[in-house]
Amino acid sequence: MQADIDTGEQSTQFLTFIMADEEYGVEILDVQEIRGWEPCTEIPNMPQYVKGVINLRGTIVPIVDLRQKFGFNNIEYSTTTVVIVVKVLVEDKSKIMGLVVDAVSDVHTIAHGDINLPPQWGQDYGPSVIQGLISINNKMVVLLSSSLLLNLEQFQNIEQIKGHNTQSSIVAND
């Protein structure tokens, strides 16, 4: 099966990226930009996979390490480590989120009919972030749903930070 051939069928472009030697993808229309890794301002009391926030042209953007979010082994960030800045729709509001991944791979145009539904694991695992699966060049690519990718409840406090200087220091009482 060739995923990149246009057959006149409805299709969507996906940006694919590498994590833990596997390939994943998000819809290209959800991607705002791709940035190299740079340290960010840490926010207290956040899950470990939330690396902090950056100020992106006046917008506070939470940065999430997808490797940690998915429970993969941690690795040191390298020159290929990137942050994919995506816009996600949450409760009818557009939110911007940065996703730390090992490396960007490619852009593929995928016919909707070629996307396989994700396996059903039962209700124990909650809502799946997997939109579908597709074989590209005999390799399985996991297509992720940007709108389901992140449980944004833990980011409610970040909304209150907007308008504040992200470079100001935070003093902790020991």
N, C-alpha and C. Protein backbone atom coordinates (compact mmCIF):
# COMPACT_ATOMS: atom_id res chain seq x y z
N MET A 1 0.83 -1.18 0.00
CA MET A 1 0.00 0.00 0.00
C MET A 1 0.88 1.23 0.00
N GLN A 2 0.59 2.18 -0.83
CA GLN A 2 1.31 3.44 -0.90
C GLN A 2 0.46 4.51 -0.24
N ALA A 3 0.93 5.10 0.85
CA ALA A 3 0.13 6.08 1.58
C ALA A 3 0.19 7.46 0.94
N ASP A 4 1.20 7.73 0.11
CA ASP A 4 1.38 9.06 -0.42
C ASP A 4 0.80 9.26 -1.82
N ILE A 5 0.09 8.30 -2.35
CA ILE A 5 -0.48 8.41 -3.70
C ILE A 5 -1.85 9.05 -3.62
N ASP A 6 -2.11 10.06 -4.48
CA ASP A 6 -3.40 10.74 -4.51
C ASP A 6 -4.33 9.99 -5.44
N THR A 7 -5.40 9.43 -4.89
CA THR A 7 -6.34 8.65 -5.68
C THR A 7 -7.65 9.39 -5.89
N GLY A 8 -7.70 10.67 -5.53
CA GLY A 8 -8.93 11.43 -5.63
C GLY A 8 -9.79 11.29 -4.38
N GLU A 9 -9.44 10.37 -3.50
CA GLU A 9 -10.14 10.15 -2.24
C GLU A 9 -9.74 11.26 -1.27
N GLN A 10 -10.61 11.58 -0.31
CA GLN A 10 -10.26 12.58 0.69
C GLN A 10 -9.02 12.14 1.44
N SER A 11 -8.13 13.09 1.67
CA SER A 11 -6.89 12.76 2.35
C SER A 11 -6.51 13.89 3.30
N THR A 12 -5.58 13.59 4.19
CA THR A 12 -5.08 14.55 5.17
C THR A 12 -3.57 14.42 5.22
N GLN A 13 -2.89 15.55 5.40
CA GLN A 13 -1.45 15.51 5.55
C GLN A 13 -1.10 15.38 7.02
N PHE A 14 -0.11 14.55 7.30
CA PHE A 14 0.37 14.33 8.66
C PHE A 14 1.86 14.61 8.73
N LEU A 15 2.27 15.32 9.78
CA LEU A 15 3.68 15.49 10.10
C LEU A 15 4.06 14.30 10.96
N THR A 16 5.06 13.54 10.54
CA THR A 16 5.47 12.39 11.34
C THR A 16 6.76 12.72 12.08
N PHE A 17 6.92 12.08 13.23
CA PHE A 17 8.07 12.31 14.08
C PHE A 17 8.44 11.02 14.78
N ILE A 18 9.66 10.99 15.30
CA ILE A 18 10.21 9.78 15.93
C ILE A 18 10.22 9.95 17.44
N MET A 19 9.82 8.89 18.12
CA MET A 19 9.97 8.76 19.57
C MET A 19 10.23 7.29 19.87
N ALA A 20 11.30 7.04 20.62
CA ALA A 20 11.64 5.67 21.03
C ALA A 20 11.69 4.73 19.83
N ASP A 21 12.30 5.19 18.75
CA ASP A 21 12.49 4.40 17.52
C ASP A 21 11.19 4.01 16.83
N GLU A 22 10.10 4.64 17.18
CA GLU A 22 8.83 4.42 16.50
C GLU A 22 8.39 5.74 15.87
N GLU A 23 7.51 5.64 14.85
CA GLU A 23 7.07 6.83 14.15
C GLU A 23 5.62 7.14 14.51
N TYR A 24 5.37 8.42 14.76
CA TYR A 24 4.06 8.93 15.13
C TYR A 24 3.73 10.08 14.20
N GLY A 25 2.45 10.46 14.14
CA GLY A 25 2.07 11.58 13.30
C GLY A 25 0.95 12.38 13.90
N VAL A 26 0.93 13.68 13.57
CA VAL A 26 -0.18 14.58 13.91
C VAL A 26 -0.57 15.30 12.63
N GLU A 27 -1.83 15.70 12.56
CA GLU A 27 -2.29 16.41 11.37
C GLU A 27 -1.50 17.69 11.19
N ILE A 28 -1.03 17.91 9.97
CA ILE A 28 -0.18 19.06 9.68
C ILE A 28 -0.91 20.37 9.93
N LEU A 29 -2.23 20.39 9.76
CA LEU A 29 -2.99 21.62 10.00
C LEU A 29 -3.02 22.01 11.47
N ASP A 30 -2.72 21.05 12.37
CA ASP A 30 -2.64 21.35 13.80
C ASP A 30 -1.28 21.91 14.19
N VAL A 31 -0.29 21.80 13.30
CA VAL A 31 1.08 22.23 13.62
C VAL A 31 1.23 23.71 13.31
N GLN A 32 1.62 24.46 14.32
CA GLN A 32 1.86 25.90 14.13
C GLN A 32 3.30 26.14 13.70
N GLU A 33 4.24 25.45 14.36
CA GLU A 33 5.65 25.57 13.99
C GLU A 33 6.45 24.46 14.64
N ILE A 34 7.69 24.32 14.16
CA ILE A 34 8.63 23.36 14.72
C ILE A 34 9.85 24.14 15.19
N ARG A 35 10.25 23.93 16.43
CA ARG A 35 11.36 24.67 17.03
C ARG A 35 12.39 23.69 17.56
N GLY A 36 13.64 24.10 17.56
CA GLY A 36 14.66 23.32 18.24
C GLY A 36 14.44 23.39 19.74
N TRP A 37 14.95 22.39 20.45
CA TRP A 37 14.79 22.37 21.90
C TRP A 37 15.56 23.52 22.52
N GLU A 38 14.94 24.20 23.46
CA GLU A 38 15.60 25.20 24.28
C GLU A 38 14.98 25.12 25.67
N PRO A 39 15.79 25.38 26.71
CA PRO A 39 15.25 25.30 28.07
C PRO A 39 14.06 26.23 28.24
N CYS A 40 13.14 25.84 29.12
CA CYS A 40 11.94 26.63 29.35
C CYS A 40 11.81 26.94 30.84
N THR A 41 10.87 27.81 31.17
CA THR A 41 10.64 28.20 32.56
C THR A 41 9.80 27.12 33.24
N GLU A 42 10.34 26.54 34.31
CA GLU A 42 9.63 25.49 35.02
C GLU A 42 8.48 26.08 35.83
N ILE A 43 7.40 25.31 35.94
CA ILE A 43 6.23 25.69 36.73
C ILE A 43 6.08 24.65 37.85
N PRO A 44 5.98 25.08 39.12
CA PRO A 44 5.88 24.12 40.22
C PRO A 44 4.56 23.34 40.19
N ASN A 45 4.60 22.18 40.80
CA ASN A 45 3.43 21.32 41.00
C ASN A 45 2.81 20.82 39.70
N MET A 46 3.61 20.63 38.68
CA MET A 46 3.13 20.09 37.42
C MET A 46 3.66 18.65 37.30
N PRO A 47 2.98 17.81 36.50
CA PRO A 47 3.50 16.46 36.28
C PRO A 47 4.91 16.54 35.68
N GLN A 48 5.70 15.49 35.88
CA GLN A 48 7.09 15.48 35.43
C GLN A 48 7.21 15.67 33.92
N TYR A 49 6.23 15.20 33.16
CA TYR A 49 6.32 15.33 31.71
C TYR A 49 6.06 16.75 31.21
N VAL A 50 5.57 17.63 32.09
CA VAL A 50 5.42 19.05 31.73
C VAL A 50 6.75 19.72 32.03
N LYS A 51 7.48 20.07 31.00
CA LYS A 51 8.82 20.63 31.16
C LYS A 51 8.78 22.08 31.62
N GLY A 52 7.69 22.78 31.36
CA GLY A 52 7.56 24.18 31.74
C GLY A 52 6.81 24.94 30.68
N VAL A 53 7.13 26.23 30.55
CA VAL A 53 6.46 27.08 29.57
C VAL A 53 7.51 27.92 28.85
N ILE A 54 7.13 28.36 27.64
CA ILE A 54 7.93 29.34 26.91
C ILE A 54 7.00 30.50 26.54
N ASN A 55 7.61 31.65 26.27
CA ASN A 55 6.87 32.80 25.80
C ASN A 55 7.08 32.84 24.29
N LEU A 56 6.04 32.51 23.54
CA LEU A 56 6.11 32.47 22.09
C LEU A 56 5.35 33.66 21.54
N ARG A 57 6.08 34.73 21.25
CA ARG A 57 5.49 35.95 20.71
C ARG A 57 4.32 36.45 21.57
N GLY A 58 4.52 36.44 22.89
CA GLY A 58 3.51 36.96 23.80
C GLY A 58 2.50 35.93 24.29
N THR A 59 2.57 34.72 23.82
CA THR A 59 1.66 33.66 24.24
C THR A 59 2.42 32.66 25.12
N ILE A 60 1.85 32.35 26.28
CA ILE A 60 2.46 31.36 27.17
C ILE A 60 2.12 29.97 26.64
N VAL A 61 3.17 29.19 26.33
CA VAL A 61 2.99 27.87 25.71
C VAL A 61 3.54 26.79 26.64
N PRO A 62 2.68 25.89 27.16
CA PRO A 62 3.17 24.76 27.95
C PRO A 62 3.96 23.81 27.05
N ILE A 63 5.05 23.26 27.59
CA ILE A 63 5.90 22.33 26.86
C ILE A 63 5.80 20.96 27.53
N VAL A 64 5.39 19.95 26.74
CA VAL A 64 5.17 18.60 27.25
C VAL A 64 6.12 17.64 26.55
N ASP A 65 6.83 16.83 27.32
CA ASP A 65 7.70 15.81 26.76
C ASP A 65 6.84 14.57 26.48
N LEU A 66 6.54 14.32 25.19
CA LEU A 66 5.68 13.18 24.84
C LEU A 66 6.30 11.85 25.23
N ARG A 67 7.61 11.76 25.19
CA ARG A 67 8.29 10.53 25.59
C ARG A 67 7.92 10.19 27.04
N GLN A 68 7.99 11.18 27.93
CA GLN A 68 7.62 10.96 29.33
C GLN A 68 6.12 10.74 29.48
N LYS A 69 5.32 11.51 28.74
CA LYS A 69 3.86 11.38 28.82
C LYS A 69 3.42 9.97 28.46
N PHE A 70 4.10 9.37 27.46
CA PHE A 70 3.76 8.02 27.02
C PHE A 70 4.44 6.93 27.84
N GLY A 71 5.28 7.29 28.82
CA GLY A 71 5.90 6.30 29.69
C GLY A 71 7.15 5.66 29.10
N PHE A 72 7.76 6.28 28.09
CA PHE A 72 9.00 5.75 27.50
C PHE A 72 10.18 6.15 28.38
N ASN A 73 11.31 5.46 28.19
CA ASN A 73 12.53 5.81 28.92
C ASN A 73 12.98 7.22 28.54
N ASN A 74 13.50 7.94 29.53
CA ASN A 74 14.03 9.28 29.28
C ASN A 74 15.35 9.17 28.53
N ILE A 75 15.59 10.16 27.67
CA ILE A 75 16.89 10.28 27.01
C ILE A 75 17.33 11.74 27.13
N GLU A 76 18.62 11.96 26.96
CA GLU A 76 19.09 13.34 26.95
C GLU A 76 18.68 13.98 25.64
N TYR A 77 18.29 15.23 25.72
CA TYR A 77 17.93 15.96 24.51
C TYR A 77 19.18 16.18 23.68
N SER A 78 19.03 16.08 22.36
CA SER A 78 20.17 16.22 21.45
C SER A 78 19.87 17.29 20.41
N THR A 79 20.72 17.39 19.42
CA THR A 79 20.52 18.38 18.37
C THR A 79 19.31 18.06 17.50
N THR A 80 18.84 16.81 17.51
CA THR A 80 17.66 16.46 16.72
C THR A 80 16.37 16.61 17.51
N THR A 81 16.45 16.83 18.83
CA THR A 81 15.26 17.01 19.66
C THR A 81 14.57 18.31 19.25
N VAL A 82 13.26 18.21 19.01
CA VAL A 82 12.50 19.39 18.59
C VAL A 82 11.24 19.53 19.42
N VAL A 83 10.68 20.73 19.36
CA VAL A 83 9.38 21.00 19.96
C VAL A 83 8.43 21.29 18.81
N ILE A 84 7.39 20.47 18.70
CA ILE A 84 6.35 20.69 17.70
C ILE A 84 5.25 21.49 18.39
N VAL A 85 5.04 22.72 17.96
CA VAL A 85 4.02 23.58 18.56
C VAL A 85 2.72 23.31 17.81
N VAL A 86 1.71 22.82 18.55
CA VAL A 86 0.42 22.49 17.94
C VAL A 86 -0.67 23.32 18.59
N LYS A 87 -1.72 23.53 17.81
CA LYS A 87 -2.94 24.15 18.34
C LYS A 87 -3.93 23.02 18.56
N VAL A 88 -4.49 22.95 19.76
CA VAL A 88 -5.48 21.93 20.06
C VAL A 88 -6.77 22.60 20.49
N LEU A 89 -7.88 21.98 20.17
CA LEU A 89 -9.19 22.51 20.52
C LEU A 89 -9.65 21.84 21.81
N VAL A 90 -9.85 22.65 22.83
CA VAL A 90 -10.29 22.14 24.13
C VAL A 90 -11.47 22.98 24.58
N GLU A 91 -12.60 22.32 24.80
CA GLU A 91 -13.82 23.00 25.25
C GLU A 91 -14.10 24.23 24.39
N ASP A 92 -14.06 24.04 23.07
CA ASP A 92 -14.34 25.08 22.09
C ASP A 92 -13.39 26.26 22.15
N LYS A 93 -12.23 26.10 22.78
CA LYS A 93 -11.22 27.14 22.82
C LYS A 93 -9.94 26.59 22.22
N SER A 94 -9.27 27.40 21.42
CA SER A 94 -8.01 27.00 20.82
C SER A 94 -6.88 27.19 21.82
N LYS A 95 -6.10 26.16 22.05
CA LYS A 95 -4.95 26.20 22.96
C LYS A 95 -3.70 25.85 22.17
N ILE A 96 -2.60 26.43 22.57
CA ILE A 96 -1.32 26.13 21.93
C ILE A 96 -0.48 25.33 22.91
N MET A 97 0.17 24.28 22.40
CA MET A 97 0.93 23.36 23.22
C MET A 97 2.21 22.98 22.48
N GLY A 98 3.32 22.87 23.19
CA GLY A 98 4.57 22.41 22.59
C GLY A 98 4.82 20.96 22.97
N LEU A 99 5.14 20.13 21.98
CA LEU A 99 5.38 18.70 22.20
C LEU A 99 6.84 18.39 21.92
N VAL A 100 7.59 17.94 22.93
CA VAL A 100 8.98 17.58 22.75
C VAL A 100 9.04 16.16 22.20
N VAL A 101 9.71 16.00 21.04
CA VAL A 101 9.86 14.68 20.41
C VAL A 101 11.33 14.50 20.04
N ASP A 102 11.72 13.24 19.76
CA ASP A 102 13.12 12.93 19.47
C ASP A 102 13.59 13.57 18.17
N ALA A 103 12.76 13.53 17.13
CA ALA A 103 13.14 14.10 15.83
C ALA A 103 11.92 14.16 14.93
N VAL A 104 11.92 15.10 13.99
CA VAL A 104 10.88 15.17 12.98
C VAL A 104 11.27 14.22 11.85
N SER A 105 10.28 13.57 11.25
CA SER A 105 10.56 12.60 10.21
C SER A 105 10.19 13.12 8.82
N ASP A 106 8.86 13.27 8.54
CA ASP A 106 8.43 13.57 7.18
C ASP A 106 7.00 14.11 7.22
N VAL A 107 6.51 14.51 6.05
CA VAL A 107 5.10 14.86 5.88
C VAL A 107 4.53 13.88 4.87
N HIS A 108 3.41 13.26 5.22
CA HIS A 108 2.76 12.27 4.35
C HIS A 108 1.31 12.68 4.10
N THR A 109 0.87 12.54 2.86
CA THR A 109 -0.53 12.71 2.52
C THR A 109 -1.17 11.34 2.59
N ILE A 110 -2.18 11.21 3.45
CA ILE A 110 -2.77 9.90 3.72
C ILE A 110 -4.25 9.93 3.40
N ALA A 111 -4.67 9.00 2.54
CA ALA A 111 -6.08 8.87 2.20
C ALA A 111 -6.84 8.37 3.43
N HIS A 112 -8.00 8.97 3.68
CA HIS A 112 -8.78 8.60 4.86
C HIS A 112 -9.11 7.11 4.87
N GLY A 113 -9.38 6.53 3.71
CA GLY A 113 -9.72 5.11 3.63
C GLY A 113 -8.57 4.18 3.98
N ASP A 114 -7.34 4.70 3.96
CA ASP A 114 -6.16 3.87 4.27
C ASP A 114 -5.84 3.83 5.76
N ILE A 115 -6.50 4.68 6.54
CA ILE A 115 -6.23 4.74 7.98
C ILE A 115 -7.01 3.63 8.68
N ASN A 116 -6.29 2.81 9.42
CA ASN A 116 -6.91 1.73 10.20
C ASN A 116 -7.30 2.25 11.57
N LEU A 117 -8.44 1.81 12.06
CA LEU A 117 -8.89 2.21 13.40
C LEU A 117 -7.95 1.65 14.45
N PRO A 118 -7.77 2.38 15.55
CA PRO A 118 -6.90 1.86 16.63
C PRO A 118 -7.58 0.69 17.33
N PRO A 119 -6.77 -0.18 17.93
CA PRO A 119 -7.36 -1.30 18.68
C PRO A 119 -8.15 -0.78 19.87
N GLN A 120 -9.21 -1.48 20.24
CA GLN A 120 -10.03 -1.12 21.39
C GLN A 120 -9.50 -1.87 22.60
N TRP A 121 -9.02 -1.12 23.60
CA TRP A 121 -8.42 -1.74 24.78
C TRP A 121 -9.40 -1.89 25.92
N GLY A 122 -10.58 -1.36 25.79
CA GLY A 122 -11.55 -1.41 26.88
C GLY A 122 -11.57 -0.08 27.59
N GLN A 123 -12.43 0.04 28.59
CA GLN A 123 -12.63 1.31 29.27
C GLN A 123 -11.58 1.59 30.34
N ASP A 124 -10.76 0.61 30.69
CA ASP A 124 -9.77 0.79 31.75
C ASP A 124 -8.71 1.83 31.40
N TYR A 125 -8.49 2.08 30.12
CA TYR A 125 -7.41 2.95 29.72
C TYR A 125 -7.88 4.37 29.38
N GLY A 126 -9.15 4.66 29.53
CA GLY A 126 -9.66 6.00 29.25
C GLY A 126 -9.67 6.26 27.76
N PRO A 127 -9.89 7.52 27.37
CA PRO A 127 -9.96 7.83 25.94
C PRO A 127 -8.59 7.68 25.29
N SER A 128 -8.57 7.06 24.14
CA SER A 128 -7.33 6.85 23.42
C SER A 128 -6.92 8.12 22.69
N VAL A 129 -5.63 8.37 22.64
CA VAL A 129 -5.12 9.50 21.87
C VAL A 129 -4.79 9.08 20.45
N ILE A 130 -4.99 7.80 20.15
CA ILE A 130 -4.65 7.27 18.83
C ILE A 130 -5.83 7.48 17.89
N GLN A 131 -5.58 8.24 16.83
CA GLN A 131 -6.59 8.49 15.80
C GLN A 131 -6.68 7.31 14.84
N GLY A 132 -5.53 6.68 14.58
CA GLY A 132 -5.50 5.55 13.67
C GLY A 132 -4.09 5.06 13.46
N LEU A 133 -3.98 4.02 12.64
CA LEU A 133 -2.69 3.42 12.32
C LEU A 133 -2.60 3.27 10.80
N ILE A 134 -1.39 3.42 10.29
CA ILE A 134 -1.19 3.26 8.85
C ILE A 134 0.20 2.70 8.61
N SER A 135 0.30 1.88 7.58
CA SER A 135 1.59 1.34 7.18
C SER A 135 2.15 2.21 6.06
N ILE A 136 3.33 2.76 6.29
CA ILE A 136 4.03 3.56 5.29
C ILE A 136 5.40 2.93 5.08
N ASN A 137 5.65 2.52 3.84
CA ASN A 137 6.92 1.85 3.51
C ASN A 137 7.20 0.69 4.46
N ASN A 138 6.19 -0.14 4.67
CA ASN A 138 6.27 -1.33 5.52
C ASN A 138 6.61 -1.03 6.98
N LYS A 139 6.32 0.17 7.42
CA LYS A 139 6.52 0.54 8.83
C LYS A 139 5.22 1.10 9.37
N MET A 140 4.83 0.67 10.56
CA MET A 140 3.60 1.13 11.18
C MET A 140 3.82 2.53 11.74
N VAL A 141 2.90 3.45 11.41
CA VAL A 141 2.92 4.81 11.94
C VAL A 141 1.65 5.00 12.76
N VAL A 142 1.81 5.49 13.98
CA VAL A 142 0.70 5.74 14.88
C VAL A 142 0.27 7.19 14.70
N LEU A 143 -0.97 7.40 14.25
CA LEU A 143 -1.50 8.75 14.05
C LEU A 143 -2.21 9.19 15.32
N LEU A 144 -1.78 10.32 15.85
CA LEU A 144 -2.31 10.82 17.11
C LEU A 144 -3.33 11.92 16.87
N SER A 145 -4.32 11.99 17.73
CA SER A 145 -5.32 13.05 17.68
C SER A 145 -4.82 14.22 18.53
N SER A 146 -4.55 15.36 17.92
CA SER A 146 -4.06 16.51 18.68
C SER A 146 -5.06 16.95 19.74
N SER A 147 -6.35 16.88 19.44
CA SER A 147 -7.35 17.34 20.40
C SER A 147 -7.48 16.41 21.60
N LEU A 148 -7.11 15.14 21.45
CA LEU A 148 -7.18 14.20 22.57
C LEU A 148 -5.81 13.93 23.19
N LEU A 149 -4.77 14.43 22.55
CA LEU A 149 -3.41 14.09 22.95
C LEU A 149 -3.09 14.46 24.38
N LEU A 150 -3.57 15.62 24.78
CA LEU A 150 -3.21 16.10 26.11
C LEU A 150 -4.43 16.29 26.98
N ASN A 151 -4.35 15.80 28.19
CA ASN A 151 -5.37 16.07 29.19
C ASN A 151 -5.01 17.43 29.78
N LEU A 152 -5.74 18.45 29.39
CA LEU A 152 -5.32 19.82 29.70
C LEU A 152 -5.76 20.31 31.07
N GLU A 153 -6.35 19.45 31.89
CA GLU A 153 -6.76 19.89 33.23
C GLU A 153 -5.57 20.41 34.02
N GLN A 154 -4.39 19.78 33.86
CA GLN A 154 -3.22 20.21 34.63
C GLN A 154 -2.67 21.54 34.17
N PHE A 155 -3.18 22.08 33.04
CA PHE A 155 -2.68 23.34 32.52
C PHE A 155 -3.56 24.53 32.89
N GLN A 156 -4.59 24.33 33.69
CA GLN A 156 -5.48 25.43 34.05
C GLN A 156 -4.72 26.54 34.78
N ASN A 157 -3.77 26.17 35.64
CA ASN A 157 -3.00 27.18 36.37
C ASN A 157 -2.13 28.00 35.43
N ILE A 158 -1.69 27.42 34.32
CA ILE A 158 -0.85 28.14 33.37
C ILE A 158 -1.64 29.28 32.74
N GLU A 159 -2.94 29.10 32.55
CA GLU A 159 -3.77 30.16 31.99
C GLU A 159 -3.70 31.41 32.85
N GLN A 160 -3.58 31.24 34.17
CA GLN A 160 -3.53 32.38 35.08
C GLN A 160 -2.21 33.13 34.98
N ILE A 161 -1.18 32.49 34.45
CA ILE A 161 0.14 33.09 34.34
C ILE A 161 0.20 34.08 33.18
N LYS A 162 -0.69 33.96 32.20
CA LYS A 162 -0.66 34.84 31.03
C LYS A 162 -0.58 36.30 31.48
N GLY A 163 0.24 37.03 30.79
CA GLY A 163 0.41 38.44 31.11
C GLY A 163 1.53 38.69 32.10
N HIS A 164 2.00 37.63 32.77
CA HIS A 164 3.13 37.78 33.70
C HIS A 164 4.41 37.47 32.96
N ASN A 165 5.50 37.99 33.45
CA ASN A 165 6.81 37.74 32.84
C ASN A 165 7.24 36.32 33.20
N THR A 166 7.47 35.47 32.18
CA THR A 166 7.85 34.08 32.43
C THR A 166 9.29 33.97 32.93
N GLN A 167 10.06 35.05 32.87
CA GLN A 167 11.45 34.99 33.32
C GLN A 167 11.59 35.35 34.80
N SER A 168 10.51 35.79 35.45
CA SER A 168 10.62 36.16 36.86
C SER A 168 10.89 34.92 37.69
N SER A 169 11.65 35.08 38.74
CA SER A 169 12.04 33.93 39.55
C SER A 169 10.91 33.57 40.52
N ILE A 170 10.87 32.30 40.86
CA ILE A 170 9.88 31.80 41.81
C ILE A 170 10.62 31.42 43.08
N VAL A 171 10.19 31.94 44.21
CA VAL A 171 10.84 31.67 45.48
C VAL A 171 10.06 30.60 46.20
N ALA A 172 10.73 29.54 46.60
CA ALA A 172 10.08 28.44 47.32
C ALA A 172 10.45 28.52 48.79
N ASN A 173 9.50 28.27 49.67
CA ASN A 173 9.78 28.22 51.10
C ASN A 173 10.17 26.79 51.46
N ASP A 174 11.34 26.67 52.05
CA ASP A 174 11.80 25.33 52.43
C ASP A 174 11.29 24.94 53.78
